[in-house]
Amino acid sequence: KVNIPLLMIHGDVDRRVMYYHLKDYQKAFEAAGKTG
């Protein structure tokens, strides 16, 4: 459903919100053909 561009930034040693959030979302985002 994404309909605007995204910039996503994440630290790779984030202990509160772990780094997998960026990697997993990037994979799903790019598979959906979105711009970010």
ModelCIF file with pLDDT and N, C-alpha, C, O atoms, coordinates in Angstrom:
data_MODEL
#
_entry.id   MODEL 
#
_entity.id                         1 
_entity.type                       polymer 
_entity.pdbx_number_of_molecules   1 
#
_entity_poly.entity_id                      1 
_entity_poly.type                           'polypeptide(L)' 
_entity_poly.nstd_linkage                   no 
_entity_poly.nstd_monomer                   no 
_entity_poly.pdbx_seq_one_letter_code       KVNIPLLMIHGDVDRRVMYYHLKDYQKAFEAAGKTG 
_entity_poly.pdbx_seq_one_letter_code_can   KVNIPLLMIHGDVDRRVMYYHLKDYQKAFEAAGKTG 
_entity_poly.pdbx_strand_id                 A 
#
loop_
_entity_poly_seq.entity_id 
_entity_poly_seq.num 
_entity_poly_seq.mon_id 
_entity_poly_seq.hetero 
1 1  LYS n 
1 2  VAL n 
1 3  ASN n 
1 4  ILE n 
1 5  PRO n 
1 6  LEU n 
1 7  LEU n 
1 8  MET n 
1 9  ILE n 
1 10 HIS n 
1 11 GLY n 
1 12 ASP n 
1 13 VAL n 
1 14 ASP n 
1 15 ARG n 
1 16 ARG n 
1 17 VAL n 
1 18 MET n 
1 19 TYR n 
1 20 TYR n 
1 21 HIS n 
1 22 LEU n 
1 23 LYS n 
1 24 ASP n 
1 25 TYR n 
1 26 GLN n 
1 27 LYS n 
1 28 ALA n 
1 29 PHE n 
1 30 GLU n 
1 31 ALA n 
1 32 ALA n 
1 33 GLY n 
1 34 LYS n 
1 35 THR n 
1 36 GLY n 
#
_struct_asym.id          A 
_struct_asym.entity_id   1 
#
loop_
_ma_qa_metric.id 
_ma_qa_metric.mode 
_ma_qa_metric.name 
_ma_qa_metric.software_group_id 
_ma_qa_metric.type 
1 global pLDDT . pLDDT 
2 local  pLDDT . pLDDT 
#
_ma_qa_metric_global.metric_id      1 
_ma_qa_metric_global.metric_value   96.53 
_ma_qa_metric_global.model_id       1 
_ma_qa_metric_global.ordinal_id     1 
#
loop_
_ma_qa_metric_local.label_asym_id 
_ma_qa_metric_local.label_comp_id 
_ma_qa_metric_local.label_seq_id 
_ma_qa_metric_local.metric_id 
_ma_qa_metric_local.metric_value 
_ma_qa_metric_local.model_id 
_ma_qa_metric_local.ordinal_id 
A LYS 1  2 97.00 1 1  
A VAL 2  2 97.00 1 2  
A ASN 3  2 96.00 1 3  
A ILE 4  2 97.00 1 4  
A PRO 5  2 97.00 1 5  
A LEU 6  2 98.00 1 6  
A LEU 7  2 98.00 1 7  
A MET 8  2 98.00 1 8  
A ILE 9  2 98.00 1 9  
A HIS 10 2 98.00 1 10 
A GLY 11 2 97.00 1 11 
A ASP 12 2 97.00 1 12 
A VAL 13 2 97.00 1 13 
A ASP 14 2 97.00 1 14 
A ARG 15 2 95.00 1 15 
A ARG 16 2 94.00 1 16 
A VAL 17 2 95.00 1 17 
A MET 18 2 96.00 1 18 
A TYR 19 2 97.00 1 19 
A TYR 20 2 97.00 1 20 
A HIS 21 2 97.00 1 21 
A LEU 22 2 98.00 1 22 
A LYS 23 2 98.00 1 23 
A ASP 24 2 97.00 1 24 
A TYR 25 2 97.00 1 25 
A GLN 26 2 98.00 1 26 
A LYS 27 2 97.00 1 27 
A ALA 28 2 97.00 1 28 
A PHE 29 2 97.00 1 29 
A GLU 30 2 96.00 1 30 
A ALA 31 2 97.00 1 31 
A ALA 32 2 97.00 1 32 
A GLY 33 2 96.00 1 33 
A LYS 34 2 94.00 1 34 
A THR 35 2 88.00 1 35 
A GLY 36 2 95.00 1 36 
#
loop_
_atom_site.group_PDB 
_atom_site.id 
_atom_site.type_symbol 
_atom_site.label_atom_id 
_atom_site.label_alt_id 
_atom_site.label_comp_id 
_atom_site.label_asym_id 
_atom_site.label_entity_id 
_atom_site.label_seq_id 
_atom_site.pdbx_PDB_ins_code 
_atom_site.Cartn_x 
_atom_site.Cartn_y 
_atom_site.Cartn_z 
_atom_site.occupancy 
_atom_site.B_iso_or_equiv 
_atom_site.pdbx_formal_charge 
_atom_site.auth_seq_id 
_atom_site.auth_comp_id 
_atom_site.auth_asym_id 
_atom_site.auth_atom_id 
_atom_site.pdbx_PDB_model_num 
ATOM 1   N N  . LYS A 1 1  ? 0.808  -1.221 0.000  1.00 97.00 ? 1  LYS A N  1 
ATOM 2   C CA . LYS A 1 1  ? 0.000  0.000  0.000  1.00 97.00 ? 1  LYS A CA 1 
ATOM 3   C C  . LYS A 1 1  ? 0.845  1.277  0.000  1.00 97.00 ? 1  LYS A C  1 
ATOM 4   O O  . LYS A 1 1  ? 0.294  2.375  -0.079 1.00 97.00 ? 1  LYS A O  1 
ATOM 5   N N  . VAL A 1 2  ? 2.177  1.149  0.088  1.00 97.00 ? 2  VAL A N  1 
ATOM 6   C CA . VAL A 1 2  ? 3.042  2.326  0.176  1.00 97.00 ? 2  VAL A CA 1 
ATOM 7   C C  . VAL A 1 2  ? 2.856  3.206  -1.055 1.00 97.00 ? 2  VAL A C  1 
ATOM 8   O O  . VAL A 1 2  ? 2.853  2.707  -2.180 1.00 97.00 ? 2  VAL A O  1 
ATOM 9   N N  . ASN A 1 3  ? 2.701  4.521  -0.847 1.00 96.00 ? 3  ASN A N  1 
ATOM 10  C CA . ASN A 1 3  ? 2.433  5.424  -1.972 1.00 96.00 ? 3  ASN A CA 1 
ATOM 11  C C  . ASN A 1 3  ? 3.276  6.697  -1.961 1.00 96.00 ? 3  ASN A C  1 
ATOM 12  O O  . ASN A 1 3  ? 2.998  7.622  -2.724 1.00 96.00 ? 3  ASN A O  1 
ATOM 13  N N  . ILE A 1 4  ? 4.313  6.762  -1.100 1.00 97.00 ? 4  ILE A N  1 
ATOM 14  C CA . ILE A 1 4  ? 5.256  7.884  -1.109 1.00 97.00 ? 4  ILE A CA 1 
ATOM 15  C C  . ILE A 1 4  ? 6.661  7.327  -0.902 1.00 97.00 ? 4  ILE A C  1 
ATOM 16  O O  . ILE A 1 4  ? 6.811  6.200  -0.430 1.00 97.00 ? 4  ILE A O  1 
ATOM 17  N N  . PRO A 1 5  ? 7.706  8.109  -1.253 1.00 97.00 ? 5  PRO A N  1 
ATOM 18  C CA . PRO A 1 5  ? 9.084  7.627  -1.091 1.00 97.00 ? 5  PRO A CA 1 
ATOM 19  C C  . PRO A 1 5  ? 9.496  7.520  0.378  1.00 97.00 ? 5  PRO A C  1 
ATOM 20  O O  . PRO A 1 5  ? 8.920  8.160  1.258  1.00 97.00 ? 5  PRO A O  1 
ATOM 21  N N  . LEU A 1 6  ? 10.526 6.678  0.611  1.00 98.00 ? 6  LEU A N  1 
ATOM 22  C CA . LEU A 1 6  ? 11.007 6.398  1.962  1.00 98.00 ? 6  LEU A CA 1 
ATOM 23  C C  . LEU A 1 6  ? 12.519 6.496  2.026  1.00 98.00 ? 6  LEU A C  1 
ATOM 24  O O  . LEU A 1 6  ? 13.222 6.048  1.120  1.00 98.00 ? 6  LEU A O  1 
ATOM 25  N N  . LEU A 1 7  ? 13.013 7.089  3.111  1.00 98.00 ? 7  LEU A N  1 
ATOM 26  C CA . LEU A 1 7  ? 14.403 6.950  3.538  1.00 98.00 ? 7  LEU A CA 1 
ATOM 27  C C  . LEU A 1 7  ? 14.378 6.248  4.882  1.00 98.00 ? 7  LEU A C  1 
ATOM 28  O O  . LEU A 1 7  ? 13.762 6.736  5.830  1.00 98.00 ? 7  LEU A O  1 
ATOM 29  N N  . MET A 1 8  ? 15.051 5.095  4.972  1.00 98.00 ? 8  MET A N  1 
ATOM 30  C CA . MET A 1 8  ? 15.079 4.319  6.213  1.00 98.00 ? 8  MET A CA 1 
ATOM 31  C C  . MET A 1 8  ? 16.517 4.209  6.692  1.00 98.00 ? 8  MET A C  1 
ATOM 32  O O  . MET A 1 8  ? 17.408 3.856  5.919  1.00 98.00 ? 8  MET A O  1 
ATOM 33  N N  . ILE A 1 9  ? 16.748 4.512  7.975  1.00 98.00 ? 9  ILE A N  1 
ATOM 34  C CA . ILE A 1 9  ? 18.090 4.561  8.550  1.00 98.00 ? 9  ILE A CA 1 
ATOM 35  C C  . ILE A 1 9  ? 18.087 3.755  9.852  1.00 98.00 ? 9  ILE A C  1 
ATOM 36  O O  . ILE A 1 9  ? 17.165 3.874  10.659 1.00 98.00 ? 9  ILE A O  1 
ATOM 37  N N  . HIS A 1 10 ? 19.131 2.931  10.052 1.00 98.00 ? 10 HIS A N  1 
ATOM 38  C CA . HIS A 1 10 ? 19.149 2.070  11.237 1.00 98.00 ? 10 HIS A CA 1 
ATOM 39  C C  . HIS A 1 10 ? 20.585 1.771  11.630 1.00 98.00 ? 10 HIS A C  1 
ATOM 40  O O  . HIS A 1 10 ? 21.435 1.552  10.767 1.00 98.00 ? 10 HIS A O  1 
ATOM 41  N N  . GLY A 1 11 ? 20.861 1.762  12.928 1.00 97.00 ? 11 GLY A N  1 
ATOM 42  C CA . GLY A 1 11 ? 22.154 1.317  13.433 1.00 97.00 ? 11 GLY A CA 1 
ATOM 43  C C  . GLY A 1 11 ? 22.239 -0.194 13.445 1.00 97.00 ? 11 GLY A C  1 
ATOM 44  O O  . GLY A 1 11 ? 21.251 -0.873 13.726 1.00 97.00 ? 11 GLY A O  1 
ATOM 45  N N  . ASP A 1 12 ? 23.420 -0.730 13.141 1.00 97.00 ? 12 ASP A N  1 
ATOM 46  C CA . ASP A 1 12 ? 23.528 -2.189 13.025 1.00 97.00 ? 12 ASP A CA 1 
ATOM 47  C C  . ASP A 1 12 ? 23.808 -2.879 14.360 1.00 97.00 ? 12 ASP A C  1 
ATOM 48  O O  . ASP A 1 12 ? 23.908 -4.105 14.405 1.00 97.00 ? 12 ASP A O  1 
ATOM 49  N N  . VAL A 1 13 ? 23.937 -2.101 15.464 1.00 97.00 ? 13 VAL A N  1 
ATOM 50  C CA . VAL A 1 13 ? 24.053 -2.721 16.785 1.00 97.00 ? 13 VAL A CA 1 
ATOM 51  C C  . VAL A 1 13 ? 22.971 -2.155 17.714 1.00 97.00 ? 13 VAL A C  1 
ATOM 52  O O  . VAL A 1 13 ? 23.212 -1.938 18.901 1.00 97.00 ? 13 VAL A O  1 
ATOM 53  N N  . ASP A 1 14 ? 21.802 -1.925 17.169 1.00 97.00 ? 14 ASP A N  1 
ATOM 54  C CA . ASP A 1 14 ? 20.661 -1.404 17.929 1.00 97.00 ? 14 ASP A CA 1 
ATOM 55  C C  . ASP A 1 14 ? 20.121 -2.510 18.829 1.00 97.00 ? 14 ASP A C  1 
ATOM 56  O O  . ASP A 1 14 ? 19.680 -3.554 18.350 1.00 97.00 ? 14 ASP A O  1 
ATOM 57  N N  . ARG A 1 15 ? 20.160 -2.268 20.143 1.00 95.00 ? 15 ARG A N  1 
ATOM 58  C CA . ARG A 1 15 ? 19.711 -3.302 21.085 1.00 95.00 ? 15 ARG A CA 1 
ATOM 59  C C  . ARG A 1 15 ? 18.231 -3.207 21.391 1.00 95.00 ? 15 ARG A C  1 
ATOM 60  O O  . ARG A 1 15 ? 17.630 -4.200 21.800 1.00 95.00 ? 15 ARG A O  1 
ATOM 61  N N  . ARG A 1 16 ? 17.623 -2.044 21.208 1.00 94.00 ? 16 ARG A N  1 
ATOM 62  C CA . ARG A 1 16 ? 16.204 -1.861 21.515 1.00 94.00 ? 16 ARG A CA 1 
ATOM 63  C C  . ARG A 1 16 ? 15.327 -2.280 20.335 1.00 94.00 ? 16 ARG A C  1 
ATOM 64  O O  . ARG A 1 16 ? 14.366 -3.029 20.512 1.00 94.00 ? 16 ARG A O  1 
ATOM 65  N N  . VAL A 1 17 ? 15.652 -1.805 19.138 1.00 95.00 ? 17 VAL A N  1 
ATOM 66  C CA . VAL A 1 17 ? 14.942 -2.186 17.907 1.00 95.00 ? 17 VAL A CA 1 
ATOM 67  C C  . VAL A 1 17 ? 16.002 -2.773 16.991 1.00 95.00 ? 17 VAL A C  1 
ATOM 68  O O  . VAL A 1 17 ? 16.723 -2.037 16.318 1.00 95.00 ? 17 VAL A O  1 
ATOM 69  N N  . MET A 1 18 ? 16.096 -4.080 16.964 1.00 96.00 ? 18 MET A N  1 
ATOM 70  C CA . MET A 1 18 ? 17.249 -4.729 16.362 1.00 96.00 ? 18 MET A CA 1 
ATOM 71  C C  . MET A 1 18 ? 17.302 -4.518 14.846 1.00 96.00 ? 18 MET A C  1 
ATOM 72  O O  . MET A 1 18 ? 16.299 -4.215 14.199 1.00 96.00 ? 18 MET A O  1 
ATOM 73  N N  . TYR A 1 19 ? 18.503 -4.689 14.315 1.00 97.00 ? 19 TYR A N  1 
ATOM 74  C CA . TYR A 1 19 ? 18.815 -4.349 12.916 1.00 97.00 ? 19 TYR A CA 1 
ATOM 75  C C  . TYR A 1 19 ? 17.991 -5.142 11.912 1.00 97.00 ? 19 TYR A C  1 
ATOM 76  O O  . TYR A 1 19 ? 17.826 -4.705 10.773 1.00 97.00 ? 19 TYR A O  1 
ATOM 77  N N  . TYR A 1 20 ? 17.471 -6.297 12.309 1.00 97.00 ? 20 TYR A N  1 
ATOM 78  C CA . TYR A 1 20 ? 16.683 -7.087 11.356 1.00 97.00 ? 20 TYR A CA 1 
ATOM 79  C C  . TYR A 1 20 ? 15.478 -6.311 10.843 1.00 97.00 ? 20 TYR A C  1 
ATOM 80  O O  . TYR A 1 20 ? 14.969 -6.606 9.761  1.00 97.00 ? 20 TYR A O  1 
ATOM 81  N N  . HIS A 1 21 ? 15.013 -5.320 11.606 1.00 97.00 ? 21 HIS A N  1 
ATOM 82  C CA . HIS A 1 21 ? 13.860 -4.544 11.157 1.00 97.00 ? 21 HIS A CA 1 
ATOM 83  C C  . HIS A 1 21 ? 14.147 -3.861 9.822  1.00 97.00 ? 21 HIS A C  1 
ATOM 84  O O  . HIS A 1 21 ? 13.295 -3.866 8.934  1.00 97.00 ? 21 HIS A O  1 
ATOM 85  N N  . LEU A 1 22 ? 15.334 -3.273 9.669  1.00 98.00 ? 22 LEU A N  1 
ATOM 86  C CA . LEU A 1 22 ? 15.671 -2.651 8.390  1.00 98.00 ? 22 LEU A CA 1 
ATOM 87  C C  . LEU A 1 22 ? 15.841 -3.700 7.301  1.00 98.00 ? 22 LEU A C  1 
ATOM 88  O O  . LEU A 1 22 ? 15.296 -3.541 6.209  1.00 98.00 ? 22 LEU A O  1 
ATOM 89  N N  . LYS A 1 23 ? 16.578 -4.758 7.570  1.00 98.00 ? 23 LYS A N  1 
ATOM 90  C CA . LYS A 1 23 ? 16.870 -5.746 6.528  1.00 98.00 ? 23 LYS A CA 1 
ATOM 91  C C  . LYS A 1 23 ? 15.599 -6.461 6.063  1.00 98.00 ? 23 LYS A C  1 
ATOM 92  O O  . LYS A 1 23 ? 15.401 -6.655 4.863  1.00 98.00 ? 23 LYS A O  1 
ATOM 93  N N  . ASP A 1 24 ? 14.744 -6.850 6.999  1.00 97.00 ? 24 ASP A N  1 
ATOM 94  C CA . ASP A 1 24 ? 13.506 -7.541 6.620  1.00 97.00 ? 24 ASP A CA 1 
ATOM 95  C C  . ASP A 1 24 ? 12.572 -6.616 5.847  1.00 97.00 ? 24 ASP A C  1 
ATOM 96  O O  . ASP A 1 24 ? 11.957 -7.020 4.860  1.00 97.00 ? 24 ASP A O  1 
ATOM 97  N N  . TYR A 1 25 ? 12.475 -5.365 6.309  1.00 97.00 ? 25 TYR A N  1 
ATOM 98  C CA . TYR A 1 25 ? 11.579 -4.423 5.640  1.00 97.00 ? 25 TYR A CA 1 
ATOM 99  C C  . TYR A 1 25 ? 12.109 -4.072 4.250  1.00 97.00 ? 25 TYR A C  1 
ATOM 100 O O  . TYR A 1 25 ? 11.334 -3.961 3.301  1.00 97.00 ? 25 TYR A O  1 
ATOM 101 N N  . GLN A 1 26 ? 13.413 -3.900 4.129  1.00 98.00 ? 26 GLN A N  1 
ATOM 102 C CA . GLN A 1 26 ? 14.000 -3.597 2.824  1.00 98.00 ? 26 GLN A CA 1 
ATOM 103 C C  . GLN A 1 26 ? 13.704 -4.709 1.821  1.00 98.00 ? 26 GLN A C  1 
ATOM 104 O O  . GLN A 1 26 ? 13.382 -4.443 0.663  1.00 98.00 ? 26 GLN A O  1 
ATOM 105 N N  . LYS A 1 27 ? 13.816 -5.939 2.270  1.00 97.00 ? 27 LYS A N  1 
ATOM 106 C CA . LYS A 1 27 ? 13.547 -7.075 1.376  1.00 97.00 ? 27 LYS A CA 1 
ATOM 107 C C  . LYS A 1 27 ? 12.094 -7.061 0.902  1.00 97.00 ? 27 LYS A C  1 
ATOM 108 O O  . LYS A 1 27 ? 11.825 -7.227 -0.288 1.00 97.00 ? 27 LYS A O  1 
ATOM 109 N N  . ALA A 1 28 ? 11.157 -6.863 1.835  1.00 97.00 ? 28 ALA A N  1 
ATOM 110 C CA . ALA A 1 28 ? 9.738  -6.832 1.463  1.00 97.00 ? 28 ALA A CA 1 
ATOM 111 C C  . ALA A 1 28 ? 9.420  -5.607 0.613  1.00 97.00 ? 28 ALA A C  1 
ATOM 112 O O  . ALA A 1 28 ? 8.626  -5.688 -0.325 1.00 97.00 ? 28 ALA A O  1 
ATOM 113 N N  . PHE A 1 29 ? 10.027 -4.492 0.931  1.00 97.00 ? 29 PHE A N  1 
ATOM 114 C CA . PHE A 1 29 ? 9.787  -3.223 0.239  1.00 97.00 ? 29 PHE A CA 1 
ATOM 115 C C  . PHE A 1 29 ? 10.235 -3.308 -1.220 1.00 97.00 ? 29 PHE A C  1 
ATOM 116 O O  . PHE A 1 29 ? 9.509  -2.921 -2.135 1.00 97.00 ? 29 PHE A O  1 
ATOM 117 N N  . GLU A 1 30 ? 11.438 -3.819 -1.407 1.00 96.00 ? 30 GLU A N  1 
ATOM 118 C CA . GLU A 1 30 ? 11.968 -3.920 -2.767 1.00 96.00 ? 30 GLU A CA 1 
ATOM 119 C C  . GLU A 1 30 ? 11.233 -4.983 -3.577 1.00 96.00 ? 30 GLU A C  1 
ATOM 120 O O  . GLU A 1 30 ? 11.053 -4.833 -4.785 1.00 96.00 ? 30 GLU A O  1 
ATOM 121 N N  . ALA A 1 31 ? 10.813 -6.049 -2.917 1.00 97.00 ? 31 ALA A N  1 
ATOM 122 C CA . ALA A 1 31 ? 10.034 -7.072 -3.618 1.00 97.00 ? 31 ALA A CA 1 
ATOM 123 C C  . ALA A 1 31 ? 8.704  -6.518 -4.118 1.00 97.00 ? 31 ALA A C  1 
ATOM 124 O O  . ALA A 1 31 ? 8.168  -6.986 -5.122 1.00 97.00 ? 31 ALA A O  1 
ATOM 125 N N  . ALA A 1 32 ? 8.172  -5.513 -3.409 1.00 97.00 ? 32 ALA A N  1 
ATOM 126 C CA . ALA A 1 32 ? 6.912  -4.880 -3.817 1.00 97.00 ? 32 ALA A CA 1 
ATOM 127 C C  . ALA A 1 32 ? 7.132  -3.789 -4.857 1.00 97.00 ? 32 ALA A C  1 
ATOM 128 O O  . ALA A 1 32 ? 6.170  -3.184 -5.329 1.00 97.00 ? 32 ALA A O  1 
ATOM 129 N N  . GLY A 1 33 ? 8.408  -3.528 -5.225 1.00 96.00 ? 33 GLY A N  1 
ATOM 130 C CA . GLY A 1 33 ? 8.705  -2.554 -6.256 1.00 96.00 ? 33 GLY A CA 1 
ATOM 131 C C  . GLY A 1 33 ? 8.538  -1.112 -5.826 1.00 96.00 ? 33 GLY A C  1 
ATOM 132 O O  . GLY A 1 33 ? 8.216  -0.256 -6.650 1.00 96.00 ? 33 GLY A O  1 
ATOM 133 N N  . LYS A 1 34 ? 8.748  -0.831 -4.566 1.00 94.00 ? 34 LYS A N  1 
ATOM 134 C CA . LYS A 1 34 ? 8.550  0.523  -4.054 1.00 94.00 ? 34 LYS A CA 1 
ATOM 135 C C  . LYS A 1 34 ? 9.862  1.328  -4.102 1.00 94.00 ? 34 LYS A C  1 
ATOM 136 O O  . LYS A 1 34 ? 10.949 0.766  -4.236 1.00 94.00 ? 34 LYS A O  1 
ATOM 137 N N  . THR A 1 35 ? 9.728  2.659  -3.988 1.00 88.00 ? 35 THR A N  1 
ATOM 138 C CA . THR A 1 35 ? 10.864 3.562  -4.096 1.00 88.00 ? 35 THR A CA 1 
ATOM 139 C C  . THR A 1 35 ? 11.367 3.955  -2.715 1.00 88.00 ? 35 THR A C  1 
ATOM 140 O O  . THR A 1 35 ? 10.628 4.516  -1.906 1.00 88.00 ? 35 THR A O  1 
ATOM 141 N N  . GLY A 1 36 ? 12.637 3.650  -2.458 1.00 95.00 ? 36 GLY A N  1 
ATOM 142 C CA . GLY A 1 36 ? 13.183 4.000  -1.155 1.00 95.00 ? 36 GLY A CA 1 
ATOM 143 C C  . GLY A 1 36 ? 14.685 3.844  -1.103 1.00 95.00 ? 36 GLY A C  1 
ATOM 144 O O  . GLY A 1 36 ? 15.297 4.102  -0.067 1.00 95.00 ? 36 GLY A O  1 
#
